[in-house]
N, C-alpha and C. Protein backbone atom coordinates (compact mmCIF):
# COMPACT_ATOMS: atom_id res chain seq x y z
N UNK A 1 70.30 82.86 -233.86
CA UNK A 1 72.20 83.34 -233.55
C UNK A 1 72.37 82.76 -234.55
N UNK A 2 73.81 82.69 -235.71
CA UNK A 2 73.60 82.36 -236.57
C UNK A 2 75.41 82.04 -236.77
N UNK A 3 76.18 82.72 -235.77
CA UNK A 3 77.77 83.02 -235.58
C UNK A 3 77.99 83.17 -234.59
N UNK A 4 78.85 82.23 -234.61
CA UNK A 4 79.74 81.83 -232.69
C UNK A 4 80.10 83.47 -232.36
N UNK A 5 80.65 84.42 -233.22
CA UNK A 5 81.03 85.63 -233.01
C UNK A 5 80.08 86.21 -232.27
N UNK A 6 78.93 86.46 -232.78
CA UNK A 6 77.81 87.00 -232.84
C UNK A 6 77.60 86.79 -230.97
N UNK A 7 77.52 85.57 -231.17
CA UNK A 7 77.33 85.39 -229.25
C UNK A 7 78.39 85.87 -228.79
N UNK A 8 79.69 85.32 -228.86
CA UNK A 8 80.93 86.02 -228.38
C UNK A 8 80.56 87.29 -227.95
N UNK A 9 80.18 87.94 -228.67
CA UNK A 9 80.16 90.01 -228.74
C UNK A 9 78.97 89.73 -227.48
N UNK A 10 77.82 89.35 -227.38
CA UNK A 10 76.86 89.46 -226.84
C UNK A 10 77.42 89.11 -225.27
N UNK A 11 78.11 87.86 -224.97
CA UNK A 11 78.42 87.51 -223.91
C UNK A 11 79.61 88.69 -223.44
N UNK A 12 80.72 89.18 -224.32
CA UNK A 12 81.56 90.40 -224.39
C UNK A 12 80.52 91.45 -223.58
N UNK A 13 79.47 91.80 -224.19
CA UNK A 13 78.73 92.98 -223.35
C UNK A 13 77.90 92.44 -221.85
N UNK A 14 77.64 91.49 -221.59
CA UNK A 14 77.02 91.06 -220.42
C UNK A 14 77.54 89.70 -219.97
N UNK A 15 78.77 89.45 -219.51
CA UNK A 15 79.43 87.91 -219.50
C UNK A 15 78.92 87.51 -218.10
N UNK A 16 78.51 88.30 -217.13
CA UNK A 16 77.67 87.70 -216.17
C UNK A 16 76.80 86.89 -216.11
N UNK A 17 75.90 87.42 -217.55
CA UNK A 17 74.60 86.87 -217.69
C UNK A 17 74.62 85.11 -218.38
N UNK A 18 76.21 85.00 -218.71
CA UNK A 18 76.45 83.91 -219.12
C UNK A 18 77.31 82.81 -218.46
N UNK A 19 78.18 83.48 -217.86
CA UNK A 19 79.27 82.94 -217.38
C UNK A 19 79.94 83.62 -216.06
N UNK A 20 79.06 83.23 -215.10
CA UNK A 20 79.36 84.49 -213.59
C UNK A 20 79.54 83.41 -212.69
N UNK A 21 80.17 81.81 -213.16
CA UNK A 21 80.85 81.08 -211.97
C UNK A 21 81.93 81.23 -211.82
N UNK A 22 82.73 80.02 -210.64
CA UNK A 22 83.63 80.67 -209.88
C UNK A 22 84.94 80.48 -211.16
N UNK A 23 84.84 79.62 -212.20
CA UNK A 23 85.78 79.53 -213.39
C UNK A 23 85.01 79.89 -214.84
N UNK A 24 84.90 81.46 -215.03
CA UNK A 24 84.09 82.12 -215.94
C UNK A 24 84.66 81.62 -217.29
N UNK A 25 86.09 81.40 -217.64
CA UNK A 25 86.35 80.93 -219.11
C UNK A 25 86.52 79.12 -218.90
N UNK A 26 86.51 78.55 -218.02
CA UNK A 26 86.18 77.01 -218.25
C UNK A 26 84.42 77.16 -218.70
N UNK A 27 83.65 78.00 -218.14
CA UNK A 27 82.21 77.58 -218.48
C UNK A 27 82.28 78.30 -219.86
N UNK A 28 82.79 79.16 -220.23
CA UNK A 28 82.46 79.63 -221.57
C UNK A 28 83.36 78.77 -222.30
N UNK A 29 84.25 78.10 -222.28
CA UNK A 29 85.02 76.87 -223.02
C UNK A 29 83.45 75.70 -223.12
N UNK A 30 83.12 75.25 -222.10
CA UNK A 30 81.63 74.15 -222.44
C UNK A 30 81.00 74.97 -222.97
N UNK A 31 80.39 75.79 -222.67
CA UNK A 31 79.40 76.29 -223.72
C UNK A 31 79.76 76.36 -225.02
N UNK A 32 80.91 76.57 -225.52
CA UNK A 32 81.32 76.71 -227.25
C UNK A 32 81.27 75.37 -227.70
N UNK A 33 81.85 74.63 -226.50
CA UNK A 33 81.52 72.89 -227.02
C UNK A 33 80.57 72.84 -227.34
N UNK A 34 79.90 72.88 -226.32
CA UNK A 34 78.14 72.52 -226.73
C UNK A 34 77.41 73.24 -227.71
N UNK A 35 77.92 74.50 -228.18
CA UNK A 35 77.41 75.09 -229.12
C UNK A 35 78.57 73.92 -230.51
N UNK A 36 79.37 73.54 -230.58
CA UNK A 36 80.16 73.53 -231.39
C UNK A 36 79.46 71.63 -232.10
N UNK A 37 79.08 71.04 -230.64
CA UNK A 37 78.38 69.87 -230.97
C UNK A 37 77.29 70.14 -231.55
N UNK A 38 76.17 70.91 -231.15
CA UNK A 38 74.90 71.36 -231.63
C UNK A 38 75.12 71.70 -233.48
N UNK A 39 76.30 72.38 -233.59
CA UNK A 39 76.74 72.31 -234.96
C UNK A 39 77.08 71.26 -236.23
N UNK A 40 77.56 70.10 -235.33
CA UNK A 40 78.14 69.55 -235.56
C UNK A 40 76.82 68.20 -236.30
N UNK A 41 76.11 68.30 -235.04
CA UNK A 41 74.93 67.03 -234.86
C UNK A 41 74.15 67.53 -235.76
N UNK A 42 73.91 68.92 -236.15
CA UNK A 42 72.59 69.47 -237.27
C UNK A 42 73.95 69.87 -238.70
N UNK A 43 74.77 69.39 -238.57
CA UNK A 43 75.99 69.41 -239.95
C UNK A 43 75.78 70.72 -240.32
N UNK A 44 75.73 71.61 -239.43
CA UNK A 44 75.63 73.28 -240.03
C UNK A 44 77.27 73.77 -240.19
N UNK A 45 77.40 74.18 -240.71
CA UNK A 45 79.01 74.97 -241.17
C UNK A 45 78.83 76.21 -241.05
N UNK A 46 79.75 76.61 -240.18
CA UNK A 46 79.64 77.91 -239.86
C UNK A 46 81.26 78.50 -238.84
N UNK A 47 81.43 79.45 -238.53
CA UNK A 47 82.68 79.85 -237.83
C UNK A 47 83.00 79.23 -236.52
N UNK A 48 81.56 78.80 -235.75
CA UNK A 48 81.66 77.73 -234.36
C UNK A 48 83.03 76.84 -234.72
N UNK A 49 82.31 75.63 -235.65
CA UNK A 49 83.06 74.56 -236.15
C UNK A 49 84.79 74.60 -235.44
N UNK A 50 84.84 73.88 -234.86
CA UNK A 50 86.34 73.72 -234.52
C UNK A 50 86.75 74.46 -233.61
N UNK A 51 86.06 75.76 -232.83
CA UNK A 51 86.64 77.04 -232.61
C UNK A 51 87.56 76.42 -231.23
N UNK A 52 87.04 75.87 -230.66
CA UNK A 52 88.03 75.39 -229.01
C UNK A 52 89.40 74.92 -229.82
N UNK A 53 89.23 73.97 -230.80
CA UNK A 53 90.63 73.63 -231.40
C UNK A 53 91.64 74.61 -231.77
N UNK A 54 90.79 75.13 -232.93
CA UNK A 54 91.85 75.94 -233.67
C UNK A 54 92.09 77.59 -232.65
N UNK A 55 91.40 77.85 -231.51
CA UNK A 55 91.76 78.96 -230.56
C UNK A 55 92.63 78.33 -229.63
N UNK A 56 92.60 77.26 -229.20
CA UNK A 56 93.90 76.32 -228.50
C UNK A 56 95.12 76.53 -229.69
N UNK A 57 95.07 76.12 -231.20
CA UNK A 57 96.03 76.28 -231.67
C UNK A 57 97.17 77.28 -231.61
N UNK A 58 95.94 78.63 -231.90
CA UNK A 58 96.52 79.93 -231.88
C UNK A 58 97.28 80.20 -230.49
N UNK A 59 96.69 79.98 -230.11
CA UNK A 59 97.08 80.35 -228.81
C UNK A 59 98.36 79.81 -228.49
N UNK A 60 98.78 78.43 -228.62
CA UNK A 60 100.16 77.73 -229.01
C UNK A 60 101.03 78.14 -229.83
N UNK A 61 100.61 78.53 -230.54
CA UNK A 61 101.32 79.18 -231.85
C UNK A 61 102.08 80.64 -231.68
N UNK A 62 101.06 81.59 -231.39
CA UNK A 62 101.26 82.61 -230.93
C UNK A 62 102.11 83.28 -229.35
N UNK A 63 101.79 82.74 -228.83
CA UNK A 63 102.07 83.55 -227.28
C UNK A 63 102.65 81.68 -226.55
N UNK A 64 103.08 80.67 -227.22
CA UNK A 64 103.52 79.38 -226.95
C UNK A 64 102.92 79.07 -225.38
N UNK A 65 101.78 79.07 -225.43
CA UNK A 65 101.22 78.76 -223.73
C UNK A 65 100.56 77.28 -224.29
N UNK A 66 101.16 76.25 -223.26
CA UNK A 66 100.26 75.01 -223.10
C UNK A 66 98.81 74.83 -223.02
N UNK A 67 98.46 74.24 -224.26
CA UNK A 67 96.92 74.37 -223.91
C UNK A 67 96.09 72.74 -224.28
N UNK A 68 97.26 71.37 -223.49
CA UNK A 68 96.69 70.42 -223.60
C UNK A 68 95.54 69.63 -222.62
N UNK A 69 95.64 71.26 -221.48
CA UNK A 69 94.34 70.82 -220.92
C UNK A 69 93.08 71.65 -220.78
N UNK A 70 93.10 72.37 -222.43
CA UNK A 70 92.10 73.43 -223.09
C UNK A 70 92.63 74.69 -222.87
N UNK A 71 92.33 75.96 -223.80
CA UNK A 71 92.47 77.14 -223.99
C UNK A 71 92.35 77.99 -222.16
N UNK A 72 90.86 77.75 -222.15
CA UNK A 72 90.61 77.92 -220.46
C UNK A 72 91.52 77.94 -219.38
N UNK A 73 92.26 76.97 -219.33
CA UNK A 73 93.08 76.42 -218.25
C UNK A 73 94.08 77.28 -218.62
N UNK A 74 94.58 77.00 -219.70
CA UNK A 74 95.88 78.11 -220.56
C UNK A 74 96.18 79.59 -219.66
N UNK A 75 94.75 80.03 -219.88
CA UNK A 75 94.53 81.58 -219.58
C UNK A 75 94.66 81.47 -218.06
N UNK A 76 93.73 80.76 -217.09
CA UNK A 76 93.61 80.55 -215.56
C UNK A 76 94.94 80.58 -215.54
N UNK A 77 96.25 79.88 -215.91
CA UNK A 77 97.66 79.47 -215.68
C UNK A 77 98.71 80.55 -215.96
N UNK A 78 97.87 81.82 -216.95
CA UNK A 78 98.84 82.85 -217.07
C UNK A 78 98.21 84.05 -216.39
N UNK A 79 96.95 84.92 -216.64
CA UNK A 79 96.78 85.39 -215.42
C UNK A 79 96.15 85.36 -213.97
N UNK A 80 95.84 86.64 -214.05
CA UNK A 80 94.95 86.74 -212.54
C UNK A 80 93.87 86.49 -212.99
N UNK A 81 93.17 86.06 -212.05
CA UNK A 81 91.44 86.12 -212.33
C UNK A 81 91.02 87.25 -212.37
N UNK A 82 91.14 88.72 -212.05
CA UNK A 82 90.39 89.76 -212.57
C UNK A 82 90.50 89.99 -214.38
N UNK A 83 91.58 89.59 -214.97
CA UNK A 83 92.15 89.91 -216.18
C UNK A 83 91.81 88.50 -217.07
N UNK A 84 90.78 87.60 -216.65
CA UNK A 84 90.79 86.46 -217.57
C UNK A 84 90.16 87.23 -218.97
N UNK A 85 88.92 87.65 -218.43
CA UNK A 85 88.12 87.79 -219.63
C UNK A 85 88.27 88.99 -220.42
N UNK A 86 89.14 89.39 -220.24
CA UNK A 86 89.96 90.71 -220.82
C UNK A 86 90.78 90.02 -221.63
N UNK A 87 91.22 89.42 -221.13
CA UNK A 87 92.83 88.66 -221.75
C UNK A 87 92.04 88.00 -223.08
N UNK A 88 90.99 87.29 -222.68
CA UNK A 88 90.20 86.25 -223.52
C UNK A 88 89.68 87.28 -224.36
N UNK A 89 89.28 87.94 -224.53
CA UNK A 89 88.57 88.69 -225.12
C UNK A 89 89.71 89.75 -226.17
N UNK A 90 90.49 89.64 -226.13
CA UNK A 90 91.61 90.68 -226.44
C UNK A 90 92.46 89.51 -227.35
N UNK A 91 92.95 88.28 -226.96
CA UNK A 91 93.09 87.14 -227.64
C UNK A 91 91.89 86.76 -229.03
N UNK A 92 90.85 86.91 -228.75
CA UNK A 92 89.47 86.66 -229.61
C UNK A 92 89.82 87.35 -230.68
N UNK A 93 90.06 88.73 -230.70
CA UNK A 93 90.18 89.65 -231.45
C UNK A 93 91.52 89.36 -232.41
N UNK A 94 92.32 89.48 -232.19
CA UNK A 94 93.59 88.89 -232.77
C UNK A 94 93.40 87.33 -233.67
N UNK A 95 92.67 86.38 -232.59
CA UNK A 95 91.97 85.53 -233.58
C UNK A 95 91.12 85.52 -234.30
N UNK A 96 90.52 86.24 -234.50
CA UNK A 96 88.98 86.61 -235.40
C UNK A 96 90.13 87.44 -236.92
N UNK A 97 90.91 88.01 -236.58
CA UNK A 97 91.15 89.03 -237.58
C UNK A 97 92.47 87.84 -238.43
N UNK A 98 92.95 87.16 -237.61
CA UNK A 98 93.80 85.85 -238.62
C UNK A 98 92.81 85.25 -239.25
N UNK A 99 91.54 84.78 -238.74
CA UNK A 99 90.75 84.49 -239.41
C UNK A 99 89.74 84.13 -240.09
N UNK A 100 89.03 85.67 -239.91
CA UNK A 100 88.34 85.91 -240.67
C UNK A 100 88.07 87.12 -241.43
N UNK A 101 89.82 87.42 -241.89
CA UNK A 101 90.04 87.97 -242.68
C UNK A 101 90.11 89.12 -242.53
């Protein structure tokens, strides 16, 4: 896996394999934080660098959501649990379009 977006597409296809807990978006945010840490520790530069920060800033700018507790908590505060993953992937698509050309 050489790109965070490829990993996120795999998660989208089968989320229960990756984030099946009681708080799936917090699990996903933590998974991405680990991914970012690994990239930074190995001096690898790709789309996953600073994703959590940039995605949170995107949500704050486009939706006006408070993200001071992280983007996962912002989704939890704004959406019902059954809509969390769909809401995340919908916003990810918009974020991706704005940041990847």
